[in-house]
Amino acid sequence: MRPTTPPPHYPIPSSPHLLIASPPHLRSATIAPVPVKITVVTPSYNQARFLDETIRSVLRQRDQIHEYFVIDGGSTDGSADLIRRHAEASPGAIDWWTSE
């Protein structure tokens, strides 16, 4: 009986392209870029003093972000009003938000 050996492992290159770890002779000559979708979720509870800066920072990077959600836990410090102002000032900038 022949001893079984594990198949060889091929390194996955650190690249923004998808390359399946397979033997070189099976790899495609064309490598397609993988579309990246980034979702940012900002959780908050009574963090109004930090929330404005956080939302502004995310919105400055909005061209790289697929979705942006802000979830507030029913704050009593004006966080919901702050989120609402940002959402109304730039429609579509915050995809979904709640304060409950």
PDB file of N, CA and C in Angstrom:
ATOM      1  N   MET A   1       0.843  -1.171   0.000  1.00  0.00           N
ATOM      2  CA  MET A   1       0.000   0.000   0.000  1.00  0.00           C
ATOM      3  C   MET A   1       0.892   1.238   0.000  1.00  0.00           C
ATOM      4  N   ARG A   2       0.597   2.169  -0.909  1.00  0.00           N
ATOM      5  CA  ARG A   2       1.366   3.404  -1.012  1.00  0.00           C
ATOM      6  C   ARG A   2       0.940   4.391   0.054  1.00  0.00           C
ATOM      7  N   PRO A   3       1.887   5.083   0.689  1.00  0.00           N
ATOM      8  CA  PRO A   3       1.482   6.103   1.657  1.00  0.00           C
ATOM      9  C   PRO A   3       0.852   7.291   0.921  1.00  0.00           C
ATOM     10  N   THR A   4      -0.168   7.831   1.520  1.00  0.00           N
ATOM     11  CA  THR A   4      -0.814   8.987   0.889  1.00  0.00           C
ATOM     12  C   THR A   4      -0.138  10.257   1.386  1.00  0.00           C
ATOM     13  N   THR A   5       0.113  11.148   0.471  1.00  0.00           N
ATOM     14  CA  THR A   5       0.715  12.422   0.830  1.00  0.00           C
ATOM     15  C   THR A   5      -0.282  13.534   0.479  1.00  0.00           C
ATOM     16  N   PRO A   6      -0.278  14.558   1.273  1.00  0.00           N
ATOM     17  CA  PRO A   6      -1.198  15.654   0.964  1.00  0.00           C
ATOM     18  C   PRO A   6      -0.797  16.328  -0.342  1.00  0.00           C
ATOM     19  N   PRO A   7      -1.758  16.912  -1.049  1.00  0.00           N
ATOM     20  CA  PRO A   7      -1.417  17.603  -2.294  1.00  0.00           C
ATOM     21  C   PRO A   7      -0.544  18.815  -1.990  1.00  0.00           C
ATOM     22  N   PRO A   8       0.268  19.221  -2.960  1.00  0.00           N
ATOM     23  CA  PRO A   8       1.128  20.390  -2.720  1.00  0.00           C
ATOM     24  C   PRO A   8       0.282  21.647  -2.548  1.00  0.00           C
ATOM     25  N   HIS A   9       0.778  22.566  -1.767  1.00  0.00           N
ATOM     26  CA  HIS A   9       0.087  23.834  -1.550  1.00  0.00           C
ATOM     27  C   HIS A   9       0.779  24.897  -2.380  1.00  0.00           C
ATOM     28  N   TYR A  10      -0.013  25.688  -3.043  1.00  0.00           N
ATOM     29  CA  TYR A  10       0.510  26.766  -3.852  1.00  0.00           C
ATOM     30  C   TYR A  10       0.181  28.080  -3.161  1.00  0.00           C
ATOM     31  N   PRO A  11       1.136  28.968  -3.041  1.00  0.00           N
ATOM     32  CA  PRO A  11       0.876  30.238  -2.342  1.00  0.00           C
ATOM     33  C   PRO A  11      -0.124  31.086  -3.113  1.00  0.00           C
ATOM     34  N   ILE A  12      -0.953  31.793  -2.372  1.00  0.00           N
ATOM     35  CA  ILE A  12      -1.879  32.735  -2.987  1.00  0.00           C
ATOM     36  C   ILE A  12      -1.186  34.091  -2.973  1.00  0.00           C
ATOM     37  N   PRO A  13      -1.024  34.693  -4.142  1.00  0.00           N
ATOM     38  CA  PRO A  13      -0.307  35.967  -4.183  1.00  0.00           C
ATOM     39  C   PRO A  13      -1.091  37.065  -3.478  1.00  0.00           C
ATOM     40  N   SER A  14      -0.375  38.014  -2.901  1.00  0.00           N
ATOM     41  CA  SER A  14      -1.038  39.153  -2.279  1.00  0.00           C
ATOM     42  C   SER A  14      -1.303  40.162  -3.390  1.00  0.00           C
ATOM     43  N   SER A  15      -2.492  40.084  -3.925  1.00  0.00           N
ATOM     44  CA  SER A  15      -2.869  40.885  -5.074  1.00  0.00           C
ATOM     45  C   SER A  15      -4.349  41.200  -4.993  1.00  0.00           C
ATOM     46  N   PRO A  16      -4.794  42.321  -5.568  1.00  0.00           N
ATOM     47  CA  PRO A  16      -6.226  42.618  -5.558  1.00  0.00           C
ATOM     48  C   PRO A  16      -6.991  41.772  -6.563  1.00  0.00           C
ATOM     49  N   HIS A  17      -6.325  40.825  -7.176  1.00  0.00           N
ATOM     50  CA  HIS A  17      -6.971  39.967  -8.168  1.00  0.00           C
ATOM     51  C   HIS A  17      -7.241  38.598  -7.575  1.00  0.00           C
ATOM     52  N   LEU A  18      -8.265  37.974  -8.074  1.00  0.00           N
ATOM     53  CA  LEU A  18      -8.613  36.638  -7.617  1.00  0.00           C
ATOM     54  C   LEU A  18      -7.762  35.627  -8.358  1.00  0.00           C
ATOM     55  N   LEU A  19      -7.086  34.797  -7.614  1.00  0.00           N
ATOM     56  CA  LEU A  19      -6.312  33.720  -8.206  1.00  0.00           C
ATOM     57  C   LEU A  19      -6.545  32.498  -7.343  1.00  0.00           C
ATOM     58  N   ILE A  20      -7.136  31.515  -7.926  1.00  0.00           N
ATOM     59  CA  ILE A  20      -7.445  30.309  -7.163  1.00  0.00           C
ATOM     60  C   ILE A  20      -6.164  29.522  -6.970  1.00  0.00           C
ATOM     61  N   ALA A  21      -5.949  29.041  -5.757  1.00  0.00           N
ATOM     62  CA  ALA A  21      -4.752  28.267  -5.460  1.00  0.00           C
ATOM     63  C   ALA A  21      -4.879  26.912  -6.134  1.00  0.00           C
ATOM     64  N   SER A  22      -4.310  26.785  -7.286  1.00  0.00           N
ATOM     65  CA  SER A  22      -4.346  25.536  -8.039  1.00  0.00           C
ATOM     66  C   SER A  22      -3.003  25.372  -8.744  1.00  0.00           C
ATOM     67  N   PRO A  23      -2.744  24.205  -9.225  1.00  0.00           N
ATOM     68  CA  PRO A  23      -1.471  23.991  -9.912  1.00  0.00           C
ATOM     69  C   PRO A  23      -1.319  24.975 -11.077  1.00  0.00           C
ATOM     70  N   PRO A  24      -0.108  25.428 -11.330  1.00  0.00           N
ATOM     71  CA  PRO A  24       0.117  26.437 -12.381  1.00  0.00           C
ATOM     72  C   PRO A  24      -0.468  26.060 -13.742  1.00  0.00           C
ATOM     73  N   HIS A  25      -0.424  24.793 -14.106  1.00  0.00           N
ATOM     74  CA  HIS A  25      -0.921  24.408 -15.433  1.00  0.00           C
ATOM     75  C   HIS A  25      -2.451  24.496 -15.530  1.00  0.00           C
ATOM     76  N   LEU A  26      -3.138  24.639 -14.398  1.00  0.00           N
ATOM     77  CA  LEU A  26      -4.592  24.767 -14.411  1.00  0.00           C
ATOM     78  C   LEU A  26      -5.061  26.212 -14.261  1.00  0.00           C
ATOM     79  N   ARG A  27      -4.151  27.118 -14.012  1.00  0.00           N
ATOM     80  CA  ARG A  27      -4.528  28.511 -13.814  1.00  0.00           C
ATOM     81  C   ARG A  27      -4.853  29.181 -15.144  1.00  0.00           C
ATOM     82  N   SER A  28      -5.802  30.059 -15.094  1.00  0.00           N
ATOM     83  CA  SER A  28      -6.199  30.811 -16.278  1.00  0.00           C
ATOM     84  C   SER A  28      -5.134  31.849 -16.604  1.00  0.00           C
ATOM     85  N   ALA A  29      -4.966  32.125 -17.858  1.00  0.00           N
ATOM     86  CA  ALA A  29      -3.993  33.127 -18.267  1.00  0.00           C
ATOM     87  C   ALA A  29      -4.505  34.531 -17.962  1.00  0.00           C
ATOM     88  N   THR A  30      -5.821  34.683 -17.873  1.00  0.00           N
ATOM     89  CA  THR A  30      -6.409  35.981 -17.594  1.00  0.00           C
ATOM     90  C   THR A  30      -6.943  35.997 -16.173  1.00  0.00           C
ATOM     91  N   ILE A  31      -6.556  37.013 -15.429  1.00  0.00           N
ATOM     92  CA  ILE A  31      -7.017  37.146 -14.048  1.00  0.00           C
ATOM     93  C   ILE A  31      -7.899  38.380 -13.973  1.00  0.00           C
ATOM     94  N   ALA A  32      -9.155  38.172 -13.594  1.00  0.00           N
ATOM     95  CA  ALA A  32     -10.095  39.291 -13.521  1.00  0.00           C
ATOM     96  C   ALA A  32     -10.067  39.902 -12.123  1.00  0.00           C
ATOM     97  N   PRO A  33     -10.127  41.225 -12.039  1.00  0.00           N
ATOM     98  CA  PRO A  33     -10.187  41.852 -10.721  1.00  0.00           C
ATOM     99  C   PRO A  33     -11.498  41.509 -10.027  1.00  0.00           C
ATOM    100  N   VAL A  34     -11.428  41.371  -8.734  1.00  0.00           N
ATOM    101  CA  VAL A  34     -12.600  41.059  -7.937  1.00  0.00           C
ATOM    102  C   VAL A  34     -13.212  42.372  -7.452  1.00  0.00           C
ATOM    103  N   PRO A  35     -14.498  42.606  -7.762  1.00  0.00           N
ATOM    104  CA  PRO A  35     -15.094  43.841  -7.256  1.00  0.00           C
ATOM    105  C   PRO A  35     -15.229  43.784  -5.738  1.00  0.00           C
ATOM    106  N   VAL A  36     -14.813  44.833  -5.094  1.00  0.00           N
ATOM    107  CA  VAL A  36     -14.848  44.882  -3.640  1.00  0.00           C
ATOM    108  C   VAL A  36     -16.016  45.751  -3.216  1.00  0.00           C
ATOM    109  N   LYS A  37     -16.816  45.234  -2.297  1.00  0.00           N
ATOM    110  CA  LYS A  37     -17.928  45.998  -1.746  1.00  0.00           C
ATOM    111  C   LYS A  37     -17.696  46.125  -0.248  1.00  0.00           C
ATOM    112  N   ILE A  38     -17.580  47.355   0.206  1.00  0.00           N
ATOM    113  CA  ILE A  38     -17.313  47.607   1.611  1.00  0.00           C
ATOM    114  C   ILE A  38     -18.552  48.206   2.249  1.00  0.00           C
ATOM    115  N   THR A  39     -18.977  47.612   3.351  1.00  0.00           N
ATOM    116  CA  THR A  39     -20.080  48.142   4.136  1.00  0.00           C
ATOM    117  C   THR A  39     -19.508  48.627   5.456  1.00  0.00           C
ATOM    118  N   VAL A  40     -19.836  49.863   5.810  1.00  0.00           N
ATOM    119  CA  VAL A  40     -19.393  50.429   7.074  1.00  0.00           C
ATOM    120  C   VAL A  40     -20.617  50.571   7.963  1.00  0.00           C
ATOM    121  N   VAL A  41     -20.496  50.081   9.198  1.00  0.00           N
ATOM    122  CA  VAL A  41     -21.565  50.192  10.187  1.00  0.00           C
ATOM    123  C   VAL A  41     -21.004  50.970  11.370  1.00  0.00           C
ATOM    124  N   THR A  42     -21.675  52.062  11.727  1.00  0.00           N
ATOM    125  CA  THR A  42     -21.268  52.847  12.886  1.00  0.00           C
ATOM    126  C   THR A  42     -22.288  52.622  13.991  1.00  0.00           C
ATOM    127  N   PRO A  43     -21.913  51.860  15.029  1.00  0.00           N
ATOM    128  CA  PRO A  43     -22.809  51.700  16.180  1.00  0.00           C
ATOM    129  C   PRO A  43     -22.589  52.851  17.158  1.00  0.00           C
ATOM    130  N   SER A  44     -23.644  53.256  17.835  1.00  0.00           N
ATOM    131  CA  SER A  44     -23.493  54.377  18.751  1.00  0.00           C
ATOM    132  C   SER A  44     -24.539  54.313  19.857  1.00  0.00           C
ATOM    133  N   TYR A  45     -24.135  54.735  21.041  1.00  0.00           N
ATOM    134  CA  TYR A  45     -25.072  54.952  22.134  1.00  0.00           C
ATOM    135  C   TYR A  45     -24.526  56.094  22.988  1.00  0.00           C
ATOM    136  N   ASN A  46     -25.222  57.211  22.955  1.00  0.00           N
ATOM    137  CA  ASN A  46     -24.811  58.419  23.683  1.00  0.00           C
ATOM    138  C   ASN A  46     -23.367  58.822  23.378  1.00  0.00           C
ATOM    139  N   GLN A  47     -23.052  58.852  22.091  1.00  0.00           N
ATOM    140  CA  GLN A  47     -21.701  59.225  21.648  1.00  0.00           C
ATOM    141  C   GLN A  47     -21.728  60.431  20.724  1.00  0.00           C
ATOM    142  N   ALA A  48     -22.682  61.336  20.912  1.00  0.00           N
ATOM    143  CA  ALA A  48     -22.833  62.476  20.004  1.00  0.00           C
ATOM    144  C   ALA A  48     -21.543  63.275  19.860  1.00  0.00           C
ATOM    145  N   ARG A  49     -20.772  63.390  20.921  1.00  0.00           N
ATOM    146  CA  ARG A  49     -19.553  64.207  20.842  1.00  0.00           C
ATOM    147  C   ARG A  49     -18.513  63.603  19.898  1.00  0.00           C
ATOM    148  N   PHE A  50     -18.590  62.302  19.649  1.00  0.00           N
ATOM    149  CA  PHE A  50     -17.672  61.646  18.708  1.00  0.00           C
ATOM    150  C   PHE A  50     -18.341  61.334  17.376  1.00  0.00           C
ATOM    151  N   LEU A  51     -19.646  61.247  17.385  1.00  0.00           N
ATOM    152  CA  LEU A  51     -20.397  60.767  16.223  1.00  0.00           C
ATOM    153  C   LEU A  51     -20.276  61.691  15.019  1.00  0.00           C
ATOM    154  N   ASP A  52     -20.313  62.986  15.239  1.00  0.00           N
ATOM    155  CA  ASP A  52     -20.209  63.922  14.118  1.00  0.00           C
ATOM    156  C   ASP A  52     -18.896  63.731  13.372  1.00  0.00           C
ATOM    157  N   GLU A  53     -17.804  63.654  14.093  1.00  0.00           N
ATOM    158  CA  GLU A  53     -16.496  63.457  13.453  1.00  0.00           C
ATOM    159  C   GLU A  53     -16.430  62.105  12.741  1.00  0.00           C
ATOM    160  N   THR A  54     -17.020  61.081  13.350  1.00  0.00           N
ATOM    161  CA  THR A  54     -17.016  59.747  12.742  1.00  0.00           C
ATOM    162  C   THR A  54     -17.776  59.753  11.426  1.00  0.00           C
ATOM    163  N   ILE A  55     -18.983  60.309  11.441  1.00  0.00           N
ATOM    164  CA  ILE A  55     -19.798  60.340  10.216  1.00  0.00           C
ATOM    165  C   ILE A  55     -19.093  61.157   9.135  1.00  0.00           C
ATOM    166  N   ARG A  56     -18.532  62.294   9.488  1.00  0.00           N
ATOM    167  CA  ARG A  56     -17.815  63.115   8.502  1.00  0.00           C
ATOM    168  C   ARG A  56     -16.636  62.337   7.894  1.00  0.00           C
ATOM    169  N   SER A  57     -15.926  61.605   8.719  1.00  0.00           N
ATOM    170  CA  SER A  57     -14.791  60.816   8.226  1.00  0.00           C
ATOM    171  C   SER A  57     -15.247  59.753   7.229  1.00  0.00           C
ATOM    172  N   VAL A  58     -16.316  59.055   7.570  1.00  0.00           N
ATOM    173  CA  VAL A  58     -16.827  58.020   6.663  1.00  0.00           C
ATOM    174  C   VAL A  58     -17.321  58.659   5.368  1.00  0.00           C
ATOM    175  N   LEU A  59     -18.043  59.764   5.466  1.00  0.00           N
ATOM    176  CA  LEU A  59     -18.588  60.409   4.270  1.00  0.00           C
ATOM    177  C   LEU A  59     -17.491  60.944   3.358  1.00  0.00           C
ATOM    178  N   ARG A  60     -16.342  61.325   3.909  1.00  0.00           N
ATOM    179  CA  ARG A  60     -15.214  61.763   3.072  1.00  0.00           C
ATOM    180  C   ARG A  60     -14.664  60.605   2.247  1.00  0.00           C
ATOM    181  N   GLN A  61     -14.904  59.393   2.687  1.00  0.00           N
ATOM    182  CA  GLN A  61     -14.417  58.197   1.985  1.00  0.00           C
ATOM    183  C   GLN A  61     -15.543  57.481   1.244  1.00  0.00           C
ATOM    184  N   ARG A  62     -16.673  58.135   1.106  1.00  0.00           N
ATOM    185  CA  ARG A  62     -17.886  57.493   0.580  1.00  0.00           C
ATOM    186  C   ARG A  62     -17.697  56.909  -0.809  1.00  0.00           C
ATOM    187  N   ASP A  63     -16.806  57.452  -1.609  1.00  0.00           N
ATOM    188  CA  ASP A  63     -16.595  56.915  -2.955  1.00  0.00           C
ATOM    189  C   ASP A  63     -16.001  55.503  -2.919  1.00  0.00           C
ATOM    190  N   GLN A  64     -15.438  55.102  -1.797  1.00  0.00           N
ATOM    191  CA  GLN A  64     -14.855  53.768  -1.667  1.00  0.00           C
ATOM    192  C   GLN A  64     -15.766  52.810  -0.900  1.00  0.00           C
ATOM    193  N   ILE A  65     -16.901  53.319  -0.449  1.00  0.00           N
ATOM    194  CA  ILE A  65     -17.789  52.533   0.410  1.00  0.00           C
ATOM    195  C   ILE A  65     -19.079  52.219  -0.336  1.00  0.00           C
ATOM    196  N   HIS A  66     -19.461  50.946  -0.317  1.00  0.00           N
ATOM    197  CA  HIS A  66     -20.670  50.505  -1.002  1.00  0.00           C
ATOM    198  C   HIS A  66     -21.933  50.862  -0.215  1.00  0.00           C
ATOM    199  N   GLU A  67     -21.898  50.644   1.091  1.00  0.00           N
ATOM    200  CA  GLU A  67     -23.052  50.918   1.941  1.00  0.00           C
ATOM    201  C   GLU A  67     -22.579  51.537   3.252  1.00  0.00           C
ATOM    202  N   TYR A  68     -23.424  52.425   3.797  1.00  0.00           N
ATOM    203  CA  TYR A  68     -23.103  53.021   5.086  1.00  0.00           C
ATOM    204  C   TYR A  68     -24.349  53.000   5.962  1.00  0.00           C
ATOM    205  N   PHE A  69     -24.240  52.331   7.119  1.00  0.00           N
ATOM    206  CA  PHE A  69     -25.331  52.218   8.073  1.00  0.00           C
ATOM    207  C   PHE A  69     -24.897  52.846   9.397  1.00  0.00           C
ATOM    208  N   VAL A  70     -25.815  53.566  10.042  1.00  0.00           N
ATOM    209  CA  VAL A  70     -25.565  54.106  11.364  1.00  0.00           C
ATOM    210  C   VAL A  70     -26.658  53.575  12.281  1.00  0.00           C
ATOM    211  N   ILE A  71     -26.249  52.902  13.338  1.00  0.00           N
ATOM    212  CA  ILE A  71     -27.197  52.289  14.273  1.00  0.00           C
ATOM    213  C   ILE A  71     -26.986  52.902  15.645  1.00  0.00           C
ATOM    214  N   ASP A  72     -28.001  53.606  16.105  1.00  0.00           N
ATOM    215  CA  ASP A  72     -27.938  54.246  17.405  1.00  0.00           C
ATOM    216  C   ASP A  72     -28.859  53.487  18.348  1.00  0.00           C
ATOM    217  N   GLY A  73     -28.438  53.312  19.574  1.00  0.00           N
ATOM    218  CA  GLY A  73     -29.199  52.522  20.538  1.00  0.00           C
ATOM    219  C   GLY A  73     -30.202  53.309  21.351  1.00  0.00           C
ATOM    220  N   GLY A  74     -30.811  54.329  20.768  1.00  0.00           N
ATOM    221  CA  GLY A  74     -31.794  55.110  21.506  1.00  0.00           C
ATOM    222  C   GLY A  74     -31.151  56.144  22.413  1.00  0.00           C
ATOM    223  N   SER A  75     -30.113  56.776  21.925  1.00  0.00           N
ATOM    224  CA  SER A  75     -29.368  57.764  22.714  1.00  0.00           C
ATOM    225  C   SER A  75     -30.251  58.921  23.173  1.00  0.00           C
ATOM    226  N   THR A  76     -29.841  59.538  24.272  1.00  0.00           N
ATOM    227  CA  THR A  76     -30.560  60.696  24.820  1.00  0.00           C
ATOM    228  C   THR A  76     -29.704  61.959  24.775  1.00  0.00           C
ATOM    229  N   ASP A  77     -28.598  61.899  24.030  1.00  0.00           N
ATOM    230  CA  ASP A  77     -27.670  63.037  23.988  1.00  0.00           C
ATOM    231  C   ASP A  77     -27.716  63.808  22.673  1.00  0.00           C
ATOM    232  N   GLY A  78     -28.742  63.584  21.855  1.00  0.00           N
ATOM    233  CA  GLY A  78     -28.856  64.292  20.584  1.00  0.00           C
ATOM    234  C   GLY A  78     -28.242  63.560  19.406  1.00  0.00           C
ATOM    235  N   SER A  79     -27.808  62.347  19.613  1.00  0.00           N
ATOM    236  CA  SER A  79     -27.191  61.572  18.528  1.00  0.00           C
ATOM    237  C   SER A  79     -28.149  61.388  17.349  1.00  0.00           C
ATOM    238  N   ALA A  80     -29.400  61.068  17.639  1.00  0.00           N
ATOM    239  CA  ALA A  80     -30.377  60.835  16.566  1.00  0.00           C
ATOM    240  C   ALA A  80     -30.566  62.091  15.715  1.00  0.00           C
ATOM    241  N   ASP A  81     -30.616  63.254  16.346  1.00  0.00           N
ATOM    242  CA  ASP A  81     -30.749  64.507  15.595  1.00  0.00           C
ATOM    243  C   ASP A  81     -29.530  64.749  14.712  1.00  0.00           C
ATOM    244  N   LEU A  82     -28.361  64.443  15.230  1.00  0.00           N
ATOM    245  CA  LEU A  82     -27.125  64.607  14.473  1.00  0.00           C
ATOM    246  C   LEU A  82     -27.123  63.684  13.248  1.00  0.00           C
ATOM    247  N   ILE A  83     -27.506  62.427  13.448  1.00  0.00           N
ATOM    248  CA  ILE A  83     -27.563  61.469  12.330  1.00  0.00           C
ATOM    249  C   ILE A  83     -28.584  61.948  11.303  1.00  0.00           C
ATOM    250  N   ARG A  84     -29.749  62.376  11.774  1.00  0.00           N
ATOM    251  CA  ARG A  84     -30.804  62.861  10.880  1.00  0.00           C
ATOM    252  C   ARG A  84     -30.307  64.045  10.049  1.00  0.00           C
ATOM    253  N   ARG A  85     -29.600  64.980  10.674  1.00  0.00           N
ATOM    254  CA  ARG A  85     -29.077  66.137   9.936  1.00  0.00           C
ATOM    255  C   ARG A  85     -28.122  65.712   8.820  1.00  0.00           C
ATOM    256  N   HIS A  86     -27.238  64.759   9.124  1.00  0.00           N
ATOM    257  CA  HIS A  86     -26.315  64.275   8.089  1.00  0.00           C
ATOM    258  C   HIS A  86     -27.075  63.570   6.977  1.00  0.00           C
ATOM    259  N   ALA A  87     -28.044  62.752   7.334  1.00  0.00           N
ATOM    260  CA  ALA A  87     -28.815  61.998   6.339  1.00  0.00           C
ATOM    261  C   ALA A  87     -29.609  62.939   5.433  1.00  0.00           C
ATOM    262  N   GLU A  88     -30.164  63.995   5.997  1.00  0.00           N
ATOM    263  CA  GLU A  88     -30.957  64.944   5.209  1.00  0.00           C
ATOM    264  C   GLU A  88     -30.081  65.895   4.398  1.00  0.00           C
ATOM    265  N   ALA A  89     -28.917  66.232   4.911  1.00  0.00           N
ATOM    266  CA  ALA A  89     -28.025  67.157   4.217  1.00  0.00           C
ATOM    267  C   ALA A  89     -27.435  66.542   2.944  1.00  0.00           C
ATOM    268  N   SER A  90     -27.210  65.244   2.975  1.00  0.00           N
ATOM    269  CA  SER A  90     -26.625  64.543   1.819  1.00  0.00           C
ATOM    270  C   SER A  90     -27.433  63.282   1.546  1.00  0.00           C
ATOM    271  N   PRO A  91     -28.561  63.405   0.849  1.00  0.00           N
ATOM    272  CA  PRO A  91     -29.385  62.221   0.580  1.00  0.00           C
ATOM    273  C   PRO A  91     -28.566  61.126  -0.101  1.00  0.00           C
ATOM    274  N   GLY A  92     -28.686  59.916   0.407  1.00  0.00           N
ATOM    275  CA  GLY A  92     -27.947  58.778  -0.146  1.00  0.00           C
ATOM    276  C   GLY A  92     -26.590  58.561   0.490  1.00  0.00           C
ATOM    277  N   ALA A  93     -26.114  59.515   1.274  1.00  0.00           N
ATOM    278  CA  ALA A  93     -24.799  59.352   1.906  1.00  0.00           C
ATOM    279  C   ALA A  93     -24.852  58.299   3.003  1.00  0.00           C
ATOM    280  N   ILE A  94     -25.930  58.294   3.765  1.00  0.00           N
ATOM    281  CA  ILE A  94     -26.165  57.251   4.769  1.00  0.00           C
ATOM    282  C   ILE A  94     -27.289  56.397   4.209  1.00  0.00           C
ATOM    283  N   ASP A  95     -26.989  55.139   3.912  1.00  0.00           N
ATOM    284  CA  ASP A  95     -27.972  54.271   3.265  1.00  0.00           C
ATOM    285  C   ASP A  95     -29.124  53.899   4.185  1.00  0.00           C
ATOM    286  N   TRP A  96     -28.826  53.729   5.464  1.00  0.00           N
ATOM    287  CA  TRP A  96     -29.876  53.356   6.412  1.00  0.00           C
ATOM    288  C   TRP A  96     -29.409  53.731   7.806  1.00  0.00           C
ATOM    289  N   TRP A  97     -30.327  54.236   8.607  1.00  0.00           N
ATOM    290  CA  TRP A  97     -29.989  54.529   9.990  1.00  0.00           C
ATOM    291  C   TRP A  97     -31.206  54.332  10.858  1.00  0.00           C
ATOM    292  N   THR A  98     -30.964  54.105  12.139  1.00  0.00           N
ATOM    293  CA  THR A  98     -32.046  53.942  13.094  1.00  0.00           C
ATOM    294  C   THR A  98     -31.573  54.400  14.460  1.00  0.00           C
ATOM    295  N   SER A  99     -32.520  54.789  15.268  1.00  0.00           N
ATOM    296  CA  SER A  99     -32.247  55.094  16.668  1.00  0.00           C
ATOM    297  C   SER A  99     -33.404  54.546  17.455  1.00  0.00           C
ATOM    298  N   GLU A 100     -33.154  53.475  18.155  1.00  0.00           N
ATOM    299  CA  GLU A 100     -34.233  52.831  18.923  1.00  0.00           C
ATOM    300  C   GLU A 100     -33.727  52.231  20.202  1.00  0.00           C
TER     301      GLU A 100
END
